[in-house]
Amino acid sequence: LLALGLVAVTLTERETPVLAVVAAVLTTTWALITFIVLF
């Protein structure tokens, strides 16, 4: 869901990239957590 949200926000955000940056940070952090849990 975070990855899909990142794609959606990146494609639709035009005024400022703030939401895209927040979504990227959340997705990157959660991907690291997910990798550790899955590993």
ModelCIF file with pLDDT and N, C-alpha, C, O atoms, coordinates in Angstrom:
data_MODEL
#
_entry.id   MODEL 
#
_entity.id                         1 
_entity.type                       polymer 
_entity.pdbx_number_of_molecules   1 
#
_entity_poly.entity_id                      1 
_entity_poly.type                           'polypeptide(L)' 
_entity_poly.nstd_linkage                   no 
_entity_poly.nstd_monomer                   no 
_entity_poly.pdbx_seq_one_letter_code       LLALGLVAVTLTERETPVLAVVAAVLTTTWALITFIVLF 
_entity_poly.pdbx_seq_one_letter_code_can   LLALGLVAVTLTERETPVLAVVAAVLTTTWALITFIVLF 
_entity_poly.pdbx_strand_id                 A 
#
loop_
_entity_poly_seq.entity_id 
_entity_poly_seq.num 
_entity_poly_seq.mon_id 
_entity_poly_seq.hetero 
1 1  LEU n 
1 2  LEU n 
1 3  ALA n 
1 4  LEU n 
1 5  GLY n 
1 6  LEU n 
1 7  VAL n 
1 8  ALA n 
1 9  VAL n 
1 10 THR n 
1 11 LEU n 
1 12 THR n 
1 13 GLU n 
1 14 ARG n 
1 15 GLU n 
1 16 THR n 
1 17 PRO n 
1 18 VAL n 
1 19 LEU n 
1 20 ALA n 
1 21 VAL n 
1 22 VAL n 
1 23 ALA n 
1 24 ALA n 
1 25 VAL n 
1 26 LEU n 
1 27 THR n 
1 28 THR n 
1 29 THR n 
1 30 TRP n 
1 31 ALA n 
1 32 LEU n 
1 33 ILE n 
1 34 THR n 
1 35 PHE n 
1 36 ILE n 
1 37 VAL n 
1 38 LEU n 
1 39 PHE n 
#
_struct_asym.id          A 
_struct_asym.entity_id   1 
#
loop_
_ma_qa_metric.id 
_ma_qa_metric.mode 
_ma_qa_metric.name 
_ma_qa_metric.software_group_id 
_ma_qa_metric.type 
1 global pLDDT . pLDDT 
2 local  pLDDT . pLDDT 
#
_ma_qa_metric_global.metric_id      1 
_ma_qa_metric_global.metric_value   90.36 
_ma_qa_metric_global.model_id       1 
_ma_qa_metric_global.ordinal_id     1 
#
loop_
_ma_qa_metric_local.label_asym_id 
_ma_qa_metric_local.label_comp_id 
_ma_qa_metric_local.label_seq_id 
_ma_qa_metric_local.metric_id 
_ma_qa_metric_local.metric_value 
_ma_qa_metric_local.model_id 
_ma_qa_metric_local.ordinal_id 
A LEU 1  2 97.00 1 1  
A LEU 2  2 96.00 1 2  
A ALA 3  2 96.00 1 3  
A LEU 4  2 96.00 1 4  
A GLY 5  2 95.00 1 5  
A LEU 6  2 93.00 1 6  
A VAL 7  2 93.00 1 7  
A ALA 8  2 93.00 1 8  
A VAL 9  2 91.00 1 9  
A THR 10 2 86.00 1 10 
A LEU 11 2 87.00 1 11 
A THR 12 2 87.00 1 12 
A GLU 13 2 76.00 1 13 
A ARG 14 2 71.00 1 14 
A GLU 15 2 73.00 1 15 
A THR 16 2 73.00 1 16 
A PRO 17 2 76.00 1 17 
A VAL 18 2 83.00 1 18 
A LEU 19 2 89.00 1 19 
A ALA 20 2 87.00 1 20 
A VAL 21 2 88.00 1 21 
A VAL 22 2 92.00 1 22 
A ALA 23 2 93.00 1 23 
A ALA 24 2 93.00 1 24 
A VAL 25 2 94.00 1 25 
A LEU 26 2 96.00 1 26 
A THR 27 2 96.00 1 27 
A THR 28 2 96.00 1 28 
A THR 29 2 96.00 1 29 
A TRP 30 2 97.00 1 30 
A ALA 31 2 97.00 1 31 
A LEU 32 2 96.00 1 32 
A ILE 33 2 96.00 1 33 
A THR 34 2 96.00 1 34 
A PHE 35 2 95.00 1 35 
A ILE 36 2 95.00 1 36 
A VAL 37 2 92.00 1 37 
A LEU 38 2 90.00 1 38 
A PHE 39 2 88.00 1 39 
#
loop_
_atom_site.group_PDB 
_atom_site.id 
_atom_site.type_symbol 
_atom_site.label_atom_id 
_atom_site.label_alt_id 
_atom_site.label_comp_id 
_atom_site.label_asym_id 
_atom_site.label_entity_id 
_atom_site.label_seq_id 
_atom_site.pdbx_PDB_ins_code 
_atom_site.Cartn_x 
_atom_site.Cartn_y 
_atom_site.Cartn_z 
_atom_site.occupancy 
_atom_site.B_iso_or_equiv 
_atom_site.pdbx_formal_charge 
_atom_site.auth_seq_id 
_atom_site.auth_comp_id 
_atom_site.auth_asym_id 
_atom_site.auth_atom_id 
_atom_site.pdbx_PDB_model_num 
ATOM 1   N N  . LEU A 1 1  ? 0.824  -1.213  0.000   1.00 97.00 ? 1  LEU A N  1 
ATOM 2   C CA . LEU A 1 1  ? 0.000  0.000   0.000   1.00 97.00 ? 1  LEU A CA 1 
ATOM 3   C C  . LEU A 1 1  ? 0.856  1.261   0.000   1.00 97.00 ? 1  LEU A C  1 
ATOM 4   O O  . LEU A 1 1  ? 0.535  2.230   -0.688  1.00 97.00 ? 1  LEU A O  1 
ATOM 5   N N  . LEU A 1 2  ? 1.947  1.254   0.770   1.00 96.00 ? 2  LEU A N  1 
ATOM 6   C CA . LEU A 1 2  ? 2.840  2.411   0.778   1.00 96.00 ? 2  LEU A CA 1 
ATOM 7   C C  . LEU A 1 2  ? 3.486  2.623   -0.590  1.00 96.00 ? 2  LEU A C  1 
ATOM 8   O O  . LEU A 1 2  ? 3.617  3.758   -1.048  1.00 96.00 ? 2  LEU A O  1 
ATOM 9   N N  . ALA A 1 3  ? 3.885  1.543   -1.235  1.00 96.00 ? 3  ALA A N  1 
ATOM 10  C CA . ALA A 1 3  ? 4.507  1.662   -2.555  1.00 96.00 ? 3  ALA A CA 1 
ATOM 11  C C  . ALA A 1 3  ? 3.509  2.197   -3.577  1.00 96.00 ? 3  ALA A C  1 
ATOM 12  O O  . ALA A 1 3  ? 3.857  3.056   -4.387  1.00 96.00 ? 3  ALA A O  1 
ATOM 13  N N  . LEU A 1 4  ? 2.288  1.707   -3.551  1.00 96.00 ? 4  LEU A N  1 
ATOM 14  C CA . LEU A 1 4  ? 1.268  2.220   -4.465  1.00 96.00 ? 4  LEU A CA 1 
ATOM 15  C C  . LEU A 1 4  ? 0.937  3.677   -4.159  1.00 96.00 ? 4  LEU A C  1 
ATOM 16  O O  . LEU A 1 4  ? 0.714  4.473   -5.072  1.00 96.00 ? 4  LEU A O  1 
ATOM 17  N N  . GLY A 1 5  ? 0.905  4.020   -2.883  1.00 95.00 ? 5  GLY A N  1 
ATOM 18  C CA . GLY A 1 5  ? 0.677  5.414   -2.497  1.00 95.00 ? 5  GLY A CA 1 
ATOM 19  C C  . GLY A 1 5  ? 1.804  6.322   -2.981  1.00 95.00 ? 5  GLY A C  1 
ATOM 20  O O  . GLY A 1 5  ? 1.554  7.446   -3.416  1.00 95.00 ? 5  GLY A O  1 
ATOM 21  N N  . LEU A 1 6  ? 3.041  5.839   -2.905  1.00 93.00 ? 6  LEU A N  1 
ATOM 22  C CA . LEU A 1 6  ? 4.178  6.618   -3.394  1.00 93.00 ? 6  LEU A CA 1 
ATOM 23  C C  . LEU A 1 6  ? 4.050  6.888   -4.891  1.00 93.00 ? 6  LEU A C  1 
ATOM 24  O O  . LEU A 1 6  ? 4.304  8.000   -5.352  1.00 93.00 ? 6  LEU A O  1 
ATOM 25  N N  . VAL A 1 7  ? 3.661  5.880   -5.633  1.00 93.00 ? 7  VAL A N  1 
ATOM 26  C CA . VAL A 1 7  ? 3.476  6.059   -7.081  1.00 93.00 ? 7  VAL A CA 1 
ATOM 27  C C  . VAL A 1 7  ? 2.369  7.075   -7.346  1.00 93.00 ? 7  VAL A C  1 
ATOM 28  O O  . VAL A 1 7  ? 2.529  7.968   -8.177  1.00 93.00 ? 7  VAL A O  1 
ATOM 29  N N  . ALA A 1 8  ? 1.255  6.941   -6.645  1.00 93.00 ? 8  ALA A N  1 
ATOM 30  C CA . ALA A 1 8  ? 0.125  7.848   -6.863  1.00 93.00 ? 8  ALA A CA 1 
ATOM 31  C C  . ALA A 1 8  ? 0.487  9.291   -6.502  1.00 93.00 ? 8  ALA A C  1 
ATOM 32  O O  . ALA A 1 8  ? 0.170  10.215  -7.250  1.00 93.00 ? 8  ALA A O  1 
ATOM 33  N N  . VAL A 1 9  ? 1.143  9.484   -5.370  1.00 91.00 ? 9  VAL A N  1 
ATOM 34  C CA . VAL A 1 9  ? 1.494  10.837  -4.940  1.00 91.00 ? 9  VAL A CA 1 
ATOM 35  C C  . VAL A 1 9  ? 2.539  11.438  -5.867  1.00 91.00 ? 9  VAL A C  1 
ATOM 36  O O  . VAL A 1 9  ? 2.474  12.626  -6.181  1.00 91.00 ? 9  VAL A O  1 
ATOM 37  N N  . THR A 1 10 ? 3.492  10.642  -6.304  1.00 86.00 ? 10 THR A N  1 
ATOM 38  C CA . THR A 1 10 ? 4.525  11.154  -7.206  1.00 86.00 ? 10 THR A CA 1 
ATOM 39  C C  . THR A 1 10 ? 3.920  11.590  -8.538  1.00 86.00 ? 10 THR A C  1 
ATOM 40  O O  . THR A 1 10 ? 4.348  12.588  -9.118  1.00 86.00 ? 10 THR A O  1 
ATOM 41  N N  . LEU A 1 11 ? 2.939  10.853  -9.018  1.00 87.00 ? 11 LEU A N  1 
ATOM 42  C CA . LEU A 1 11 ? 2.318  11.199  -10.302 1.00 87.00 ? 11 LEU A CA 1 
ATOM 43  C C  . LEU A 1 11 ? 1.372  12.387  -10.209 1.00 87.00 ? 11 LEU A C  1 
ATOM 44  O O  . LEU A 1 11 ? 1.200  13.107  -11.192 1.00 87.00 ? 11 LEU A O  1 
ATOM 45  N N  . THR A 1 12 ? 0.762  12.606  -9.067  1.00 87.00 ? 12 THR A N  1 
ATOM 46  C CA . THR A 1 12 ? -0.258 13.651  -8.961  1.00 87.00 ? 12 THR A CA 1 
ATOM 47  C C  . THR A 1 12 ? 0.225  14.925  -8.280  1.00 87.00 ? 12 THR A C  1 
ATOM 48  O O  . THR A 1 12 ? -0.421 15.962  -8.429  1.00 87.00 ? 12 THR A O  1 
ATOM 49  N N  . GLU A 1 13 ? 1.298  14.896  -7.559  1.00 76.00 ? 13 GLU A N  1 
ATOM 50  C CA . GLU A 1 13 ? 1.777  16.068  -6.825  1.00 76.00 ? 13 GLU A CA 1 
ATOM 51  C C  . GLU A 1 13 ? 2.435  17.041  -7.789  1.00 76.00 ? 13 GLU A C  1 
ATOM 52  O O  . GLU A 1 13 ? 3.429  16.696  -8.427  1.00 76.00 ? 13 GLU A O  1 
ATOM 53  N N  . ARG A 1 14 ? 1.905  18.239  -7.906  1.00 71.00 ? 14 ARG A N  1 
ATOM 54  C CA . ARG A 1 14 ? 2.443  19.211  -8.848  1.00 71.00 ? 14 ARG A CA 1 
ATOM 55  C C  . ARG A 1 14 ? 2.928  20.502  -8.187  1.00 71.00 ? 14 ARG A C  1 
ATOM 56  O O  . ARG A 1 14 ? 3.892  21.102  -8.661  1.00 71.00 ? 14 ARG A O  1 
ATOM 57  N N  . GLU A 1 15 ? 2.298  20.931  -7.130  1.00 73.00 ? 15 GLU A N  1 
ATOM 58  C CA . GLU A 1 15 ? 2.664  22.200  -6.503  1.00 73.00 ? 15 GLU A CA 1 
ATOM 59  C C  . GLU A 1 15 ? 3.979  22.104  -5.745  1.00 73.00 ? 15 GLU A C  1 
ATOM 60  O O  . GLU A 1 15 ? 4.863  22.945  -5.910  1.00 73.00 ? 15 GLU A O  1 
ATOM 61  N N  . THR A 1 16 ? 4.100  21.093  -4.927  1.00 73.00 ? 16 THR A N  1 
ATOM 62  C CA . THR A 1 16 ? 5.291  20.918  -4.100  1.00 73.00 ? 16 THR A CA 1 
ATOM 63  C C  . THR A 1 16 ? 5.546  19.427  -3.928  1.00 73.00 ? 16 THR A C  1 
ATOM 64  O O  . THR A 1 16 ? 4.595  18.651  -3.845  1.00 73.00 ? 16 THR A O  1 
ATOM 65  N N  . PRO A 1 17 ? 6.794  19.013  -3.873  1.00 76.00 ? 17 PRO A N  1 
ATOM 66  C CA . PRO A 1 17 ? 7.084  17.578  -3.738  1.00 76.00 ? 17 PRO A CA 1 
ATOM 67  C C  . PRO A 1 17 ? 7.081  17.080  -2.296  1.00 76.00 ? 17 PRO A C  1 
ATOM 68  O O  . PRO A 1 17 ? 7.622  16.008  -2.022  1.00 76.00 ? 17 PRO A O  1 
ATOM 69  N N  . VAL A 1 18 ? 6.497  17.817  -1.383  1.00 83.00 ? 18 VAL A N  1 
ATOM 70  C CA . VAL A 1 18 ? 6.561  17.442  0.037   1.00 83.00 ? 18 VAL A CA 1 
ATOM 71  C C  . VAL A 1 18 ? 5.901  16.086  0.285   1.00 83.00 ? 18 VAL A C  1 
ATOM 72  O O  . VAL A 1 18 ? 6.491  15.229  0.943   1.00 83.00 ? 18 VAL A O  1 
ATOM 73  N N  . LEU A 1 19 ? 4.706  15.881  -0.221  1.00 89.00 ? 19 LEU A N  1 
ATOM 74  C CA . LEU A 1 19 ? 4.020  14.609  0.019   1.00 89.00 ? 19 LEU A CA 1 
ATOM 75  C C  . LEU A 1 19 ? 4.762  13.441  -0.629  1.00 89.00 ? 19 LEU A C  1 
ATOM 76  O O  . LEU A 1 19 ? 4.791  12.340  -0.078  1.00 89.00 ? 19 LEU A O  1 
ATOM 77  N N  . ALA A 1 20 ? 5.353  13.674  -1.782  1.00 87.00 ? 20 ALA A N  1 
ATOM 78  C CA . ALA A 1 20 ? 6.114  12.613  -2.437  1.00 87.00 ? 20 ALA A CA 1 
ATOM 79  C C  . ALA A 1 20 ? 7.355  12.248  -1.627  1.00 87.00 ? 20 ALA A C  1 
ATOM 80  O O  . ALA A 1 20 ? 7.721  11.076  -1.542  1.00 87.00 ? 20 ALA A O  1 
ATOM 81  N N  . VAL A 1 21 ? 7.995  13.238  -1.038  1.00 88.00 ? 21 VAL A N  1 
ATOM 82  C CA . VAL A 1 21 ? 9.178  12.971  -0.209  1.00 88.00 ? 21 VAL A CA 1 
ATOM 83  C C  . VAL A 1 21 ? 8.779  12.217  1.053   1.00 88.00 ? 21 VAL A C  1 
ATOM 84  O O  . VAL A 1 21 ? 9.457  11.270  1.451   1.00 88.00 ? 21 VAL A O  1 
ATOM 85  N N  . VAL A 1 22 ? 7.695  12.627  1.679   1.00 92.00 ? 22 VAL A N  1 
ATOM 86  C CA . VAL A 1 22 ? 7.217  11.927  2.883   1.00 92.00 ? 22 VAL A CA 1 
ATOM 87  C C  . VAL A 1 22 ? 6.855  10.486  2.543   1.00 92.00 ? 22 VAL A C  1 
ATOM 88  O O  . VAL A 1 22 ? 7.198  9.566   3.285   1.00 92.00 ? 22 VAL A O  1 
ATOM 89  N N  . ALA A 1 23 ? 6.168  10.289  1.435   1.00 93.00 ? 23 ALA A N  1 
ATOM 90  C CA . ALA A 1 23 ? 5.796  8.929   1.022   1.00 93.00 ? 23 ALA A CA 1 
ATOM 91  C C  . ALA A 1 23 ? 7.034  8.094   0.716   1.00 93.00 ? 23 ALA A C  1 
ATOM 92  O O  . ALA A 1 23 ? 7.064  6.904   1.028   1.00 93.00 ? 23 ALA A O  1 
ATOM 93  N N  . ALA A 1 24 ? 8.049  8.695   0.114   1.00 93.00 ? 24 ALA A N  1 
ATOM 94  C CA . ALA A 1 24 ? 9.279  7.960   -0.197  1.00 93.00 ? 24 ALA A CA 1 
ATOM 95  C C  . ALA A 1 24 ? 10.026 7.574   1.074   1.00 93.00 ? 24 ALA A C  1 
ATOM 96  O O  . ALA A 1 24 ? 10.542 6.461   1.177   1.00 93.00 ? 24 ALA A O  1 
ATOM 97  N N  . VAL A 1 25 ? 10.085 8.479   2.034   1.00 94.00 ? 25 VAL A N  1 
ATOM 98  C CA . VAL A 1 25 ? 10.758 8.169   3.300   1.00 94.00 ? 25 VAL A CA 1 
ATOM 99  C C  . VAL A 1 25 ? 10.018 7.054   4.038   1.00 94.00 ? 25 VAL A C  1 
ATOM 100 O O  . VAL A 1 25 ? 10.642 6.122   4.546   1.00 94.00 ? 25 VAL A O  1 
ATOM 101 N N  . LEU A 1 26 ? 8.697  7.148   4.097   1.00 96.00 ? 26 LEU A N  1 
ATOM 102 C CA . LEU A 1 26 ? 7.913  6.102   4.770   1.00 96.00 ? 26 LEU A CA 1 
ATOM 103 C C  . LEU A 1 26 ? 8.068  4.752   4.072   1.00 96.00 ? 26 LEU A C  1 
ATOM 104 O O  . LEU A 1 26 ? 8.222  3.722   4.729   1.00 96.00 ? 26 LEU A O  1 
ATOM 105 N N  . THR A 1 27 ? 8.028  4.761   2.749   1.00 96.00 ? 27 THR A N  1 
ATOM 106 C CA . THR A 1 27 ? 8.146  3.512   2.002   1.00 96.00 ? 27 THR A CA 1 
ATOM 107 C C  . THR A 1 27 ? 9.533  2.903   2.164   1.00 96.00 ? 27 THR A C  1 
ATOM 108 O O  . THR A 1 27 ? 9.658  1.690   2.336   1.00 96.00 ? 27 THR A O  1 
ATOM 109 N N  . THR A 1 28 ? 10.571 3.725   2.113   1.00 96.00 ? 28 THR A N  1 
ATOM 110 C CA . THR A 1 28 ? 11.933 3.221   2.290   1.00 96.00 ? 28 THR A CA 1 
ATOM 111 C C  . THR A 1 28 ? 12.116 2.621   3.675   1.00 96.00 ? 28 THR A C  1 
ATOM 112 O O  . THR A 1 28 ? 12.675 1.533   3.819   1.00 96.00 ? 28 THR A O  1 
ATOM 113 N N  . THR A 1 29 ? 11.650 3.326   4.682   1.00 96.00 ? 29 THR A N  1 
ATOM 114 C CA . THR A 1 29 ? 11.787 2.843   6.059   1.00 96.00 ? 29 THR A CA 1 
ATOM 115 C C  . THR A 1 29 ? 10.997 1.555   6.270   1.00 96.00 ? 29 THR A C  1 
ATOM 116 O O  . THR A 1 29 ? 11.493 0.602   6.871   1.00 96.00 ? 29 THR A O  1 
ATOM 117 N N  . TRP A 1 30 ? 9.774  1.538   5.774   1.00 97.00 ? 30 TRP A N  1 
ATOM 118 C CA . TRP A 1 30 ? 8.945  0.337   5.955   1.00 97.00 ? 30 TRP A CA 1 
ATOM 119 C C  . TRP A 1 30 ? 9.491  -0.846  5.159   1.00 97.00 ? 30 TRP A C  1 
ATOM 120 O O  . TRP A 1 30 ? 9.352  -1.994  5.580   1.00 97.00 ? 30 TRP A O  1 
ATOM 121 N N  . ALA A 1 31 ? 10.112 -0.571  4.010   1.00 97.00 ? 31 ALA A N  1 
ATOM 122 C CA . ALA A 1 31 ? 10.722 -1.662  3.238   1.00 97.00 ? 31 ALA A CA 1 
ATOM 123 C C  . ALA A 1 31 ? 11.882 -2.286  4.012   1.00 97.00 ? 31 ALA A C  1 
ATOM 124 O O  . ALA A 1 31 ? 12.070 -3.501  3.971   1.00 97.00 ? 31 ALA A O  1 
ATOM 125 N N  . LEU A 1 32 ? 12.653 -1.470  4.711   1.00 96.00 ? 32 LEU A N  1 
ATOM 126 C CA . LEU A 1 32 ? 13.740 -2.005  5.534   1.00 96.00 ? 32 LEU A CA 1 
ATOM 127 C C  . LEU A 1 32 ? 13.191 -2.862  6.666   1.00 96.00 ? 32 LEU A C  1 
ATOM 128 O O  . LEU A 1 32 ? 13.705 -3.947  6.938   1.00 96.00 ? 32 LEU A O  1 
ATOM 129 N N  . ILE A 1 33 ? 12.150 -2.373  7.323   1.00 96.00 ? 33 ILE A N  1 
ATOM 130 C CA . ILE A 1 33 ? 11.514 -3.142  8.397   1.00 96.00 ? 33 ILE A CA 1 
ATOM 131 C C  . ILE A 1 33 ? 10.947 -4.446  7.849   1.00 96.00 ? 33 ILE A C  1 
ATOM 132 O O  . ILE A 1 33 ? 11.104 -5.501  8.464   1.00 96.00 ? 33 ILE A O  1 
ATOM 133 N N  . THR A 1 34 ? 10.291 -4.378  6.699   1.00 96.00 ? 34 THR A N  1 
ATOM 134 C CA . THR A 1 34 ? 9.703  -5.568  6.079   1.00 96.00 ? 34 THR A CA 1 
ATOM 135 C C  . THR A 1 34 ? 10.780 -6.580  5.710   1.00 96.00 ? 34 THR A C  1 
ATOM 136 O O  . THR A 1 34 ? 10.599 -7.781  5.911   1.00 96.00 ? 34 THR A O  1 
ATOM 137 N N  . PHE A 1 35 ? 11.898 -6.101  5.172   1.00 95.00 ? 35 PHE A N  1 
ATOM 138 C CA . PHE A 1 35 ? 12.982 -7.010  4.821   1.00 95.00 ? 35 PHE A CA 1 
ATOM 139 C C  . PHE A 1 35 ? 13.500 -7.741  6.055   1.00 95.00 ? 35 PHE A C  1 
ATOM 140 O O  . PHE A 1 35 ? 13.719 -8.952  6.018   1.00 95.00 ? 35 PHE A O  1 
ATOM 141 N N  . ILE A 1 36 ? 13.692 -7.013  7.135   1.00 95.00 ? 36 ILE A N  1 
ATOM 142 C CA . ILE A 1 36 ? 14.187 -7.651  8.364   1.00 95.00 ? 36 ILE A CA 1 
ATOM 143 C C  . ILE A 1 36 ? 13.198 -8.681  8.876   1.00 95.00 ? 36 ILE A C  1 
ATOM 144 O O  . ILE A 1 36 ? 13.589 -9.795  9.225   1.00 95.00 ? 36 ILE A O  1 
ATOM 145 N N  . VAL A 1 37 ? 11.913 -8.321  8.924   1.00 92.00 ? 37 VAL A N  1 
ATOM 146 C CA . VAL A 1 37 ? 10.886 -9.248  9.419   1.00 92.00 ? 37 VAL A CA 1 
ATOM 147 C C  . VAL A 1 37 ? 10.812 -10.485 8.535   1.00 92.00 ? 37 VAL A C  1 
ATOM 148 O O  . VAL A 1 37 ? 10.760 -11.608 9.037   1.00 92.00 ? 37 VAL A O  1 
ATOM 149 N N  . LEU A 1 38 ? 10.808 -10.285 7.221   1.00 90.00 ? 38 LEU A N  1 
ATOM 150 C CA . LEU A 1 38 ? 10.703 -11.411 6.295   1.00 90.00 ? 38 LEU A CA 1 
ATOM 151 C C  . LEU A 1 38 ? 11.962 -12.278 6.326   1.00 90.00 ? 38 LEU A C  1 
ATOM 152 O O  . LEU A 1 38 ? 11.867 -13.504 6.268   1.00 90.00 ? 38 LEU A O  1 
ATOM 153 N N  . PHE A 1 39 ? 13.132 -11.658 6.418   1.00 88.00 ? 39 PHE A N  1 
ATOM 154 C CA . PHE A 1 39 ? 14.376 -12.410 6.492   1.00 88.00 ? 39 PHE A CA 1 
ATOM 155 C C  . PHE A 1 39 ? 14.431 -13.264 7.747   1.00 88.00 ? 39 PHE A C  1 
ATOM 156 O O  . PHE A 1 39 ? 15.415 -13.969 7.972   1.00 88.00 ? 39 PHE A O  1 
#
